[in-house]
Protein backbone atom coordinates (compact mmCIF):
# COMPACT_ATOMS: atom_id res chain seq x y z
CA MET A 1 45.30 -112.51 43.72
CA SER A 2 48.42 -113.24 45.75
CA LYS A 3 49.73 -110.64 48.18
CA GLU A 4 52.90 -110.37 46.09
CA GLU A 5 50.80 -109.46 43.03
CA ILE A 6 48.73 -106.91 44.99
CA VAL A 7 51.71 -104.91 46.27
CA ASN A 8 53.22 -104.79 42.77
CA LEU A 9 50.19 -102.90 41.42
CA THR A 10 50.07 -99.13 40.93
CA VAL A 11 47.25 -97.21 42.61
CA HIS A 12 45.25 -96.87 39.39
CA GLU A 13 45.56 -100.65 38.92
CA LEU A 14 44.40 -101.21 42.52
CA GLN A 15 41.37 -99.00 41.84
CA GLU A 16 40.51 -101.05 38.75
CA LYS A 17 40.67 -104.31 40.74
CA LEU A 18 38.51 -102.82 43.52
CA LYS A 19 35.96 -101.59 40.99
CA ASN A 20 35.75 -105.05 39.42
CA LYS A 21 35.49 -106.61 42.91
CA GLU A 22 38.60 -108.73 42.27
CA ILE A 23 40.09 -107.64 45.62
CA THR A 24 38.90 -105.88 48.77
CA ILE A 25 40.28 -102.93 50.76
CA THR A 26 41.17 -105.28 53.63
CA GLU A 27 43.10 -107.59 51.29
CA ILE A 28 45.08 -104.62 49.93
CA THR A 29 45.92 -103.29 53.39
CA GLU A 30 46.84 -106.74 54.74
CA ALA A 31 49.10 -107.34 51.71
CA TYR A 32 50.97 -104.10 52.43
CA VAL A 33 51.19 -104.81 56.17
CA ASP A 34 52.67 -108.25 55.41
CA ARG A 35 55.11 -106.62 53.01
CA ILE A 36 56.19 -104.13 55.71
CA ASN A 37 56.67 -106.99 58.18
CA GLU A 38 58.79 -108.80 55.58
CA LYS A 39 60.94 -105.95 54.18
CA GLU A 40 61.15 -103.22 56.86
CA GLU A 41 63.86 -105.03 58.82
CA ASN A 42 66.20 -104.68 55.81
CA VAL A 43 65.07 -101.38 54.27
CA GLN A 44 64.35 -99.39 57.49
CA ALA A 45 61.99 -96.93 55.78
CA PHE A 46 59.55 -96.23 58.66
CA ILE A 47 59.94 -94.22 61.86
CA THR A 48 56.40 -95.04 63.05
CA THR A 49 54.37 -97.91 61.60
CA LEU A 50 50.57 -97.71 61.83
CA THR A 51 49.92 -101.25 60.65
CA ASP A 52 47.45 -102.39 63.34
CA GLU A 53 45.46 -99.17 62.97
CA ALA A 54 45.54 -99.56 59.17
CA ILE A 55 43.99 -103.05 59.24
CA GLN A 56 41.31 -101.94 61.71
CA ASN A 57 40.62 -98.86 59.57
CA ALA A 58 40.37 -100.99 56.41
CA LYS A 59 37.80 -103.32 57.98
CA GLU A 60 35.66 -100.41 59.17
CA LYS A 61 35.80 -98.72 55.77
CA GLU A 62 34.92 -101.95 54.00
CA GLU A 63 31.79 -102.37 56.12
CA LYS A 64 30.73 -98.80 55.34
CA ILE A 65 31.32 -99.30 51.61
CA GLU A 66 29.20 -102.48 51.64
CA LYS A 67 26.40 -100.55 53.37
CA GLY A 68 26.73 -97.73 50.82
CA GLU A 69 27.74 -95.25 53.54
CA LEU A 70 31.15 -94.61 52.00
CA THR A 71 31.95 -93.86 48.37
CA GLY A 72 34.93 -92.39 46.54
CA GLU A 73 37.58 -93.76 44.24
CA PHE A 74 40.36 -93.47 46.86
CA ALA A 75 38.43 -94.86 49.85
CA GLY A 76 40.62 -97.46 51.55
CA ILE A 77 43.73 -96.85 49.43
CA PRO A 78 46.84 -96.99 51.68
CA ILE A 79 49.59 -94.33 51.70
CA GLY A 80 52.85 -93.51 53.53
CA ILE A 81 53.65 -90.02 54.87
CA LYS A 82 57.05 -88.39 55.39
CA ASP A 83 57.57 -87.72 59.09
CA ASN A 84 57.64 -83.92 58.81
CA ILE A 85 53.95 -83.76 57.78
CA CYS A 86 51.55 -83.57 60.74
CA ILE A 87 48.88 -86.22 61.34
CA LYS A 88 46.64 -85.52 64.34
CA GLY A 89 47.25 -87.90 67.24
CA THR A 90 50.35 -89.39 65.60
CA LYS A 91 54.02 -88.75 66.30
CA THR A 92 55.69 -86.24 63.98
CA THR A 93 59.38 -86.46 64.80
CA CYS A 94 61.15 -84.94 61.76
CA ALA A 95 63.65 -87.77 62.45
CA SER A 96 65.06 -85.69 65.33
CA LYS A 97 65.70 -86.31 69.00
CA MET A 98 64.27 -82.80 69.46
CA LEU A 99 60.77 -84.03 68.48
CA GLU A 100 61.15 -87.69 69.48
CA ASN A 101 57.92 -87.71 71.51
CA PHE A 102 55.96 -84.92 69.81
CA VAL A 103 52.39 -85.96 68.96
CA SER A 104 50.74 -83.56 66.53
CA PRO A 105 47.52 -81.93 67.83
CA TYR A 106 46.29 -81.16 64.29
CA ASP A 107 46.31 -82.39 60.67
CA ALA A 108 48.31 -80.78 57.88
CA THR A 109 46.10 -79.48 55.06
CA VAL A 110 47.30 -82.27 52.73
CA ILE A 111 46.28 -84.82 55.40
CA GLU A 112 42.82 -83.21 55.69
CA LYS A 113 42.49 -83.65 51.92
CA LEU A 114 43.50 -87.33 52.14
CA ASN A 115 41.11 -87.82 55.10
CA ASN A 116 38.31 -86.45 52.90
CA GLU A 117 39.14 -89.25 50.46
CA ASN A 118 39.06 -91.85 53.29
CA MET A 119 42.60 -93.06 52.66
CA ILE A 120 44.53 -95.30 55.09
CA TYR A 121 47.91 -94.39 56.62
CA LEU A 122 50.49 -97.18 56.82
CA GLY A 123 52.97 -95.08 58.78
CA LYS A 124 55.36 -92.13 59.03
CA LEU A 125 58.47 -92.45 56.90
CA ASN A 126 62.13 -91.86 57.72
CA MET A 127 64.02 -88.79 56.50
CA ASP A 128 67.12 -86.71 57.13
CA GLU A 129 66.67 -84.76 60.37
CA PHE A 130 64.42 -81.72 59.73
CA ALA A 131 64.77 -82.56 55.99
CA MET A 132 68.43 -81.50 55.99
CA GLY A 133 70.49 -83.95 53.98
CA GLY A 134 70.64 -85.93 50.77
CA SER A 135 71.00 -89.52 51.92
CA THR A 136 68.68 -90.20 54.92
CA GLU A 137 71.83 -90.91 56.95
CA TYR A 138 71.16 -87.86 59.15
CA SER A 139 68.10 -89.37 60.83
CA TYR A 140 68.32 -89.66 64.63
CA PHE A 141 66.54 -93.03 64.54
CA LYS A 142 67.95 -95.17 61.71
CA LYS A 143 69.62 -95.22 58.30
CA THR A 144 67.24 -96.15 55.50
CA ARG A 145 68.69 -98.42 52.81
CA ASN A 146 68.14 -98.46 49.06
CA PRO A 147 65.93 -101.42 48.00
CA TRP A 148 67.99 -101.85 44.80
CA ASN A 149 71.13 -102.45 46.86
CA LEU A 150 70.99 -102.43 50.66
CA ASN A 151 74.56 -101.09 50.91
CA LYS A 152 73.54 -97.89 49.06
CA VAL A 153 71.72 -94.80 50.32
CA PRO A 154 68.13 -94.18 49.12
CA GLY A 155 68.82 -90.45 48.70
CA GLY A 156 67.26 -87.74 50.82
CA SER A 157 65.77 -86.10 52.56
CA SER A 158 62.61 -88.06 51.56
CA GLY A 159 64.60 -91.32 51.45
CA GLY A 160 62.11 -93.25 53.56
CA SER A 161 59.26 -92.29 51.23
CA ALA A 162 61.18 -93.27 48.06
CA ALA A 163 62.50 -96.54 49.56
CA ALA A 164 59.04 -97.52 50.83
CA VAL A 165 57.50 -97.01 47.36
CA ALA A 166 60.39 -98.76 45.58
CA SER A 167 60.20 -101.78 47.90
CA ASN A 168 56.38 -102.00 47.56
CA MET A 169 55.81 -101.33 51.28
CA VAL A 170 53.44 -98.49 50.33
CA PRO A 171 51.65 -97.97 46.99
CA TRP A 172 52.57 -94.26 47.05
CA ALA A 173 53.81 -91.65 49.51
CA LEU A 174 54.07 -87.95 50.28
CA GLY A 175 57.48 -86.32 50.60
CA SER A 176 58.74 -82.75 50.81
CA ASP A 177 61.23 -81.04 48.51
CA THR A 178 63.37 -78.05 49.55
CA GLY A 179 66.29 -78.48 47.14
CA GLY A 180 65.63 -81.85 45.50
CA SER A 181 64.43 -83.92 48.45
CA ILE A 182 61.66 -85.63 46.46
CA ARG A 183 63.36 -85.84 43.06
CA GLN A 184 66.84 -87.04 44.11
CA PRO A 185 65.62 -90.02 46.23
CA ALA A 186 63.10 -90.87 43.49
CA SER A 187 66.04 -90.98 41.07
CA PHE A 188 68.16 -93.15 43.41
CA CYS A 189 65.26 -95.57 44.06
CA GLY A 190 63.91 -95.85 40.50
CA VAL A 191 60.48 -94.29 41.17
CA VAL A 192 58.64 -91.11 40.10
CA GLY A 193 59.02 -87.96 42.23
CA LEU A 194 57.19 -84.70 41.55
CA LYS A 195 58.05 -81.35 43.10
CA PRO A 196 55.06 -79.06 42.35
CA THR A 197 55.24 -75.31 41.67
CA TYR A 198 55.81 -73.34 44.87
CA GLY A 199 52.37 -72.43 46.25
CA LEU A 200 50.39 -75.12 44.41
CA VAL A 201 50.24 -77.41 47.47
CA SER A 202 49.60 -76.02 50.96
CA ARG A 203 52.55 -76.08 53.39
CA TYR A 204 50.27 -75.78 56.44
CA GLY A 205 51.26 -78.63 58.76
CA LEU A 206 54.61 -79.24 57.08
CA VAL A 207 57.36 -78.64 59.67
CA ALA A 208 59.35 -75.84 58.06
CA PHE A 209 62.97 -76.12 56.97
CA ALA A 210 63.18 -73.19 54.51
CA SER A 211 59.77 -71.58 54.05
CA SER A 212 60.41 -70.00 50.64
CA LEU A 213 61.72 -73.28 49.17
CA ASP A 214 59.74 -76.14 50.83
CA GLN A 215 57.01 -77.92 48.87
CA ILE A 216 55.05 -81.14 49.52
CA GLY A 217 54.73 -83.55 46.59
CA PRO A 218 54.05 -87.18 45.56
CA ILE A 219 56.44 -90.12 45.23
CA THR A 220 54.79 -92.85 43.17
CA LYS A 221 55.38 -95.99 41.10
CA ASP A 222 54.38 -94.34 37.83
CA VAL A 223 53.40 -91.00 36.29
CA ARG A 224 49.63 -91.60 36.29
CA ASP A 225 49.67 -92.16 40.05
CA SER A 226 51.69 -88.94 40.41
CA ALA A 227 49.04 -86.96 38.50
CA MET A 228 46.28 -88.57 40.60
CA LEU A 229 47.93 -87.75 43.94
CA LEU A 230 48.67 -84.19 42.79
CA ASN A 231 44.95 -83.82 42.00
CA LEU A 232 44.17 -84.69 45.62
CA ILE A 233 46.69 -82.42 47.37
CA ALA A 234 46.81 -79.34 45.10
CA GLY A 235 44.65 -76.28 45.76
CA HIS A 236 44.43 -72.97 47.57
CA ASP A 237 44.54 -72.93 51.37
CA LYS A 238 43.70 -69.82 53.36
CA LYS A 239 45.79 -71.17 56.26
CA ASP A 240 48.93 -70.84 54.11
CA THR A 241 49.71 -67.27 53.06
CA THR A 242 52.07 -68.50 50.32
CA SER A 243 49.35 -70.69 48.78
CA SER A 244 48.39 -69.65 45.22
CA ASN A 245 44.75 -69.28 44.30
CA ILE A 246 44.67 -70.75 40.81
CA GLU A 247 42.00 -72.67 38.96
CA LYS A 248 41.82 -76.37 39.90
CA LYS A 249 42.97 -78.77 37.20
CA ASP A 250 42.62 -82.50 36.56
CA TYR A 251 46.22 -83.48 35.87
CA THR A 252 45.30 -86.99 34.70
CA LYS A 253 43.66 -85.41 31.63
CA SER A 254 47.07 -84.10 30.54
CA LEU A 255 48.47 -87.64 30.07
CA LYS A 256 47.98 -87.84 26.32
CA ASN A 257 51.08 -89.90 25.46
CA ASP A 258 51.89 -87.50 22.63
CA VAL A 259 54.93 -85.21 22.55
CA LYS A 260 54.98 -84.38 18.84
CA GLY A 261 56.15 -80.79 18.46
CA LEU A 262 57.05 -80.47 22.17
CA LYS A 263 60.06 -78.17 22.47
CA ILE A 264 62.65 -79.57 24.90
CA GLY A 265 65.67 -77.50 25.92
CA VAL A 266 68.79 -79.30 27.17
CA PRO A 267 71.12 -76.99 29.17
CA LYS A 268 74.73 -77.92 28.35
CA GLU A 269 75.95 -76.74 31.79
CA PHE A 270 74.14 -79.68 33.43
CA PHE A 271 76.03 -82.23 31.32
CA GLY A 272 79.57 -81.03 32.00
CA GLU A 273 82.16 -81.87 34.60
CA GLY A 274 81.02 -84.02 37.54
CA ILE A 275 78.32 -85.96 35.68
CA ASN A 276 78.89 -89.71 35.79
CA LYS A 277 79.53 -91.18 32.29
CA GLU A 278 76.78 -93.78 32.56
CA VAL A 279 74.27 -91.17 33.80
CA LYS A 280 75.19 -88.93 30.85
CA GLN A 281 74.84 -91.82 28.39
CA SER A 282 71.45 -92.78 29.79
CA LEU A 283 70.25 -89.17 29.44
CA GLU A 284 71.53 -89.03 25.85
CA ASN A 285 69.54 -92.21 25.11
CA ALA A 286 66.47 -90.54 26.63
CA ILE A 287 66.99 -87.45 24.45
CA ASN A 288 67.15 -89.69 21.36
CA LYS A 289 63.95 -91.43 22.49
CA TYR A 290 62.18 -88.04 22.71
CA LYS A 291 63.36 -87.24 19.16
CA GLU A 292 61.94 -90.59 17.98
CA LEU A 293 58.64 -89.67 19.66
CA GLY A 294 58.48 -86.42 17.66
CA ALA A 295 59.72 -83.87 20.19
CA GLU A 296 62.04 -81.06 19.12
CA VAL A 297 65.19 -81.20 21.25
CA GLU A 298 67.81 -78.47 21.31
CA GLU A 299 70.89 -77.73 23.40
CA PHE A 300 71.08 -74.27 24.97
CA SER A 301 72.91 -72.38 27.71
CA LEU A 302 71.38 -71.97 31.17
CA ASP A 303 74.21 -70.22 32.94
CA ILE A 304 73.02 -70.65 36.54
CA ALA A 305 74.32 -74.01 37.74
CA GLU A 306 77.50 -72.68 39.34
CA TYR A 307 75.62 -69.96 41.28
CA ALA A 308 72.49 -71.93 42.19
CA LEU A 309 74.07 -74.25 44.76
CA ALA A 310 75.70 -71.47 46.82
CA THR A 311 72.52 -69.38 46.58
CA TYR A 312 70.40 -72.29 47.77
CA TYR A 313 72.56 -73.06 50.80
CA ILE A 314 72.70 -69.42 51.90
CA ILE A 315 68.91 -68.91 51.62
CA GLY A 316 68.07 -72.40 52.94
CA CYS A 317 70.35 -72.17 55.97
CA ALA A 318 69.23 -68.62 56.79
CA GLU A 319 65.57 -69.68 56.80
CA ALA A 320 66.39 -72.88 58.73
CA SER A 321 68.18 -70.84 61.40
CA SER A 322 65.05 -68.69 61.78
CA ASN A 323 62.52 -71.57 61.63
CA LEU A 324 64.38 -73.81 64.08
CA GLY A 325 64.62 -71.06 66.69
CA ARG A 326 61.27 -72.28 68.08
CA PHE A 327 62.80 -75.56 69.29
CA ASP A 328 64.09 -74.34 72.64
CA GLY A 329 62.99 -76.87 75.29
CA ILE A 330 60.37 -74.52 76.71
CA ARG A 331 57.18 -75.63 74.99
CA TYR A 332 56.79 -78.97 73.26
CA THR A 333 60.25 -80.29 72.41
CA TYR A 334 63.02 -82.30 74.04
CA ARG A 335 64.38 -80.62 77.20
CA THR A 336 67.78 -81.21 78.80
CA GLU A 337 67.59 -82.71 82.29
CA LYS A 338 70.21 -80.62 84.11
CA PHE A 339 70.50 -76.84 83.86
CA ASP A 340 71.10 -73.96 86.27
CA ASN A 341 69.59 -71.06 84.34
CA LEU A 342 67.55 -70.20 81.24
CA LYS A 343 70.58 -69.63 79.00
CA GLU A 344 71.98 -73.03 79.93
CA LEU A 345 68.59 -74.65 79.32
CA TYR A 346 68.53 -73.27 75.76
CA LYS A 347 72.14 -74.14 75.05
CA LYS A 348 72.12 -77.69 76.41
CA THR A 349 68.68 -78.53 74.96
CA ARG A 350 69.65 -77.45 71.45
CA SER A 351 73.14 -79.01 71.70
CA GLU A 352 71.68 -82.38 72.75
CA GLY A 353 68.48 -82.26 70.69
CA PHE A 354 69.86 -81.41 67.24
CA GLY A 355 72.15 -83.59 65.11
CA SER A 356 75.41 -82.43 63.53
CA GLU A 357 74.00 -81.51 60.09
CA VAL A 358 71.16 -79.44 61.58
CA LYS A 359 73.61 -77.61 63.86
CA ARG A 360 75.91 -76.95 60.89
CA ARG A 361 73.09 -75.31 58.93
CA ILE A 362 71.80 -73.30 61.90
CA ILE A 363 75.30 -71.91 62.50
CA LEU A 364 75.79 -71.08 58.81
CA GLY A 365 72.32 -69.51 58.60
CA THR A 366 72.81 -67.42 61.74
CA TYR A 367 76.15 -66.22 60.36
CA VAL A 368 74.77 -65.05 56.98
CA LEU A 369 71.92 -63.22 58.76
CA SER A 370 74.16 -61.54 61.32
CA SER A 371 74.95 -57.84 61.39
CA GLY A 372 77.72 -56.99 58.95
CA TYR A 373 77.24 -60.14 56.87
CA TYR A 374 73.56 -59.88 55.90
CA ASP A 375 74.22 -57.65 52.86
CA ALA A 376 77.28 -59.61 51.76
CA TYR A 377 75.56 -63.02 51.83
CA TYR A 378 71.79 -63.20 52.34
CA LYS A 379 70.87 -60.07 50.37
CA LYS A 380 73.28 -61.04 47.59
CA ALA A 381 71.79 -64.57 47.46
CA GLN A 382 68.28 -63.10 47.06
CA GLN A 383 69.55 -60.96 44.17
CA VAL A 384 71.08 -64.03 42.51
CA ARG A 385 67.75 -65.82 43.06
CA THR A 386 66.09 -63.16 40.89
CA LEU A 387 68.73 -63.76 38.18
CA VAL A 388 68.06 -67.52 38.31
CA MET A 389 64.32 -66.87 37.82
CA LYS A 390 65.06 -64.56 34.86
CA GLU A 391 67.32 -67.17 33.23
CA PHE A 392 64.57 -69.78 33.48
CA ASN A 393 61.98 -67.32 32.16
CA LYS A 394 64.23 -66.71 29.16
CA GLY A 395 64.49 -70.47 28.62
CA PHE A 396 60.72 -70.95 28.77
CA GLU A 397 60.18 -68.28 26.12
CA LYS A 398 61.66 -70.83 23.71
CA TYR A 399 61.08 -74.26 25.30
CA ASP A 400 58.11 -76.07 26.87
CA VAL A 401 60.30 -78.35 29.01
CA ILE A 402 63.91 -78.26 30.24
CA LEU A 403 65.61 -81.66 30.52
CA THR A 404 68.51 -82.39 32.90
CA PRO A 405 69.88 -85.28 34.98
CA THR A 406 68.17 -85.49 38.39
CA SER A 407 71.48 -86.28 40.07
CA PRO A 408 75.03 -86.30 38.67
CA THR A 409 75.48 -89.88 39.98
CA VAL A 410 73.50 -92.96 40.94
CA ALA A 411 73.01 -93.87 44.62
CA PHE A 412 76.29 -93.94 46.52
CA ASP A 413 77.48 -96.26 49.30
CA ILE A 414 76.21 -95.71 52.84
CA GLY A 415 78.86 -93.81 54.80
CA SER A 416 80.83 -92.69 51.74
CA LYS A 417 79.79 -89.01 51.92
CA SER A 418 78.24 -88.48 55.34
CA ASN A 419 81.52 -87.16 56.75
CA ASN A 420 82.07 -84.83 53.81
CA PRO A 421 79.25 -82.25 53.80
CA LEU A 422 80.54 -80.40 50.72
CA GLU A 423 80.49 -83.55 48.62
CA MET A 424 76.99 -84.31 49.91
CA TYR A 425 75.82 -80.79 48.98
CA LEU A 426 77.20 -81.20 45.44
CA ALA A 427 74.75 -84.08 44.91
CA ASP A 428 71.99 -81.39 44.79
CA ILE A 429 73.59 -79.47 41.91
CA CYS A 430 70.92 -80.46 39.35
CA THR A 431 67.84 -79.90 41.54
CA VAL A 432 68.28 -76.80 43.72
CA SER A 433 67.74 -74.21 40.98
CA VAL A 434 64.15 -75.48 40.51
CA ASN A 435 63.33 -74.61 44.15
CA ILE A 436 65.10 -71.25 43.95
CA ALA A 437 62.89 -70.31 40.98
CA GLY A 438 59.72 -71.92 42.46
CA LEU A 439 59.22 -74.13 39.38
CA PRO A 440 57.74 -77.63 39.02
CA GLY A 441 60.12 -80.54 38.37
CA ILE A 442 59.64 -84.28 37.98
CA SER A 443 62.17 -87.11 38.17
CA ILE A 444 61.46 -90.30 36.28
CA PRO A 445 63.64 -93.38 35.81
CA CYS A 446 65.39 -93.47 32.41
CA GLY A 447 67.59 -96.56 32.77
CA VAL A 448 70.07 -98.37 35.02
CA ASP A 449 73.86 -98.34 35.19
CA SER A 450 76.21 -101.32 34.80
CA GLN A 451 75.73 -102.16 38.51
CA GLY A 452 71.94 -102.29 38.05
CA MET A 453 71.28 -99.01 39.93
CA PRO A 454 68.52 -96.72 38.60
CA ILE A 455 69.24 -93.42 36.83
CA GLY A 456 66.80 -90.50 36.99
CA MET A 457 65.92 -87.84 34.41
CA GLN A 458 64.54 -84.47 35.51
CA LEU A 459 61.96 -82.54 33.48
CA ILE A 460 61.44 -78.92 34.54
CA GLY A 461 58.36 -76.90 33.57
CA ASN A 462 57.28 -73.27 33.74
CA LYS A 463 55.29 -72.13 36.79
CA PHE A 464 51.96 -73.99 37.18
CA CYS A 465 52.65 -76.03 34.01
CA GLU A 466 52.62 -79.40 35.79
CA GLU A 467 50.47 -80.88 33.02
CA THR A 468 53.26 -80.25 30.46
CA ILE A 469 55.97 -82.11 32.41
CA LEU A 470 53.55 -84.86 33.47
CA ASN A 471 52.62 -85.56 29.84
CA ALA A 472 56.28 -85.44 28.73
CA ALA A 473 57.18 -87.87 31.54
CA TYR A 474 54.20 -90.11 30.75
CA ALA A 475 55.08 -90.39 27.04
CA PHE A 476 58.66 -91.36 27.89
CA GLU A 477 57.53 -93.83 30.56
CA GLN A 478 55.15 -95.54 28.10
CA ALA A 479 57.95 -95.77 25.53
CA ILE A 480 60.61 -97.38 27.75
CA LYS A 481 58.37 -99.33 30.19
CA PHE A 482 60.90 -99.05 33.05
CA ARG A 483 58.77 -100.83 35.69
CA GLU A 484 58.23 -103.83 33.43
CA ASN A 485 61.92 -104.19 32.59
CA TYR A 486 63.64 -103.44 35.90
CA LYS A 487 62.94 -104.40 39.50
CA PRO A 488 64.90 -103.93 42.75
CA GLU A 489 66.82 -107.09 43.63
CA TYR A 490 67.62 -106.31 47.31
CA LYS A 491 71.30 -107.01 46.77
CA LYS A 492 73.23 -107.11 50.05
């Protein structure tokens, strides 16, 4: 097989070729390393590449497999990791000057799980600084570009992960989602992004942005790969007090390609003002496709959209302000060179070490938590959060799945919104309510617009009902065959 053919395969296709001895682990890894060397200059998806280590690792694993010392269906499969997930002995920068030289002394729980499978890391992927942003333009190191059009953003904050998967530089990747940071870049880059139920995947070793909203999840080429990676990373972890202890499931068994009788609710509030016409049309085509496949689709009212965004930014910024207090120049972060006293050390370190978007959110978060404003903002936001949960619960009494756009638009031009934070925040309008309620959501491609840019559809499930949205996504994916019909063209 040619290297071009290898990197086009999904992970389950790679496994099939390995099983049939058509390719080797070293050939797979070398194909991806060559692809990174070819495409990274244009796409800029990586902060740290681990290509030399990956090839060495692949050769060692191959020897062990030949001797029968190493078994497992994921042994030697490469993966990319968002740079806010800790890998022992590797830089974890969160795309910030503050952590530019921080080398993690331990593995995140999800990394331990991947190590148990003997997977190979191709590198740490670019992101918005401390996961704050929706375009990967707020990285201290570089601006990642969308493989479908290099003048467009890949989305954020997991833009490096989505762009690396879309450009075939990694077969799959891990991202993190606080308000849409897996789903929105997956939508912009024409790949599959799954945000699991809060508590299903351990957050231990994920550098915190907003602890009650953050969740690690997979970004993959197709839905089967998404189910497979979720199988590997899901599960209770005693090191994470918010981790849920529920029975382990095999999510690949839920991919039955049958949605007859599935009840899909379509909230009319998500299709109103602000939704791009071509995005709306593509979603309407998807709804008709579900009807053809035998699903029961009905419009209903989910009156939370206008409150969800404000609620998210109050809670998210408040928790960010608290979580980022640890980066003070005293222990393991960037430290300013010139200071006369402790107060000046703190002030100058944080002023120089954090970017503008992170500072903006820290200031807003500190404000809403301050004396005299706590009740008016933070407490009120937590009360609205409860209302959002209740509205979703009401919806799931009637429907199995709720269908919305992932983003109101396709990927926008680099630089077009980075100086307008409010406009950037509005790009999260369709995704944030899922994090507020702690629900699972998946974004899958449902078409392209007239400029050839991918459009994403979001399917939301009830808590711990990942198998329902995975099957609904899988059935749609099999019906429209997006990957076979559309490919990034790297337009400049």
